[in-house]
Amino acid sequence: MKIQLIASSSCKIIKSLCTHRYTPHQLYCTENNIASKPPWNILFFGSDKFALETLQLLNENRINNEHQLVKNIEVVATQRTDIRKYAVEKKLKVHDWPVTVNAGQYDVGVLVSFGHLIPAALINSFPYGILNVHASLLPRWRGPAPIVHTILNNDKYTGVTIMKIKPKHFDTGEILLQKKIAVPEKVTYPYLHDVLAKEGASLLVDSLKDLPNLIKQDLKPDLEVTQAKKIKESFGNLNWNDTCENIYTVYRTLLSLKPVYTKLNGLKVYLFDMIDPTLTKDHIQKEKFEALPVGTVRWAKQGNVLLVKCKDGLVGFKGIQVKKKSLPSVFYGLYLKGKDHVAFDSDS
């Protein structure tokens, strides 16, 4: 492979004359323009609350003069996001997406839950590339919804990954660091989201301590490649022919993302505040459901709970919304009172 040195007043750039992708060392070769140790000049890409944990920790480090890894941080964000709001509040410089970056303008990029593919020209403008925080042990659960699929598949372990991003594809770059984390039994989405956000932020900051050597790594975890595709709204449509535990898994997976629901005579009914099925599966009222179809719903006055029959027992909910959110007792008065039994639609 031939190379050509292109000199300028500010830096020298090694330009490959073949079609091989550029690496940071091909693009930058003058020690004068590349920081070799912290603190770093960072451009941050992010959008949501998961990303916010990392941005906050980086900004706190910037302010901390004793163990400073971050010299300066600027932010790329779309409108009306948690990241943009925080950046404005903390008076960090904000760039709209798409953004243009001059070669060597920043030492490294950090991308967390951004949702946009980054073009090669932009990646190559950073001497140390762009680091990504991903909420799984890649290559397991590669894609936009790793936490959802971790819970849905009852994984015993998950973790966080620091990787270098590549153009054209999500979550396919070199893996630099990983941390394995045990998944608590019956974990909910909000809890696991917050744990992984904190662990990912901490691991990203650790990665900045020896960045020049770290980016040379490419771990090869012995894990099956699995895809974490974005879930559709219909995923929350509960199937009363399923088991109590499986219904509870769907609820835990979607908690804080979107409510689970069913239908009553074609009318969508949202269900909230599900009770652990170990407390309702063999409820005292179970015998009253035995001859009735799955989906049958009754109100339990004690505890003010709606009980619904499924494949192997009863599940319970303490909140419900037909036209507006209300208590089970209100639903009973409107839809159940005076009737032998009522069942949610069988195609739910």
Foldseek 3Di string as FASTA:
>chain_A
DDWDWDDDPPFIAIDDPDPDADALCRGGPDPVLADQFDQWFEEEAAFAPLSVLLVVVLVVLCVDPPRHNHVAYAYEYAPPGPVVVVCVVVVHHYDYPPDDDAASPTQEYEYEHRPDFDDSVRQNSHSLGYKYKDWFDPLAAFENQSLLVCLLVVPQKTWIWIFGDDGPDGPDGFTQDIDIDGDDPLAASVVSSVVRSNRSSVVVSVCSRRRVVSSVHGDDDPDDRDHNYDDDPCLLADQQQDDPVSNSSSQRSCVVPDFRWFAFPNFIKTFAAKDRCVVFFPDPCFVLCPVPDFQKWDFDPVVQWIWTHGNRGIIITQWMDRPHIDGSVVVCVVPPPPDSIGGTDNVD
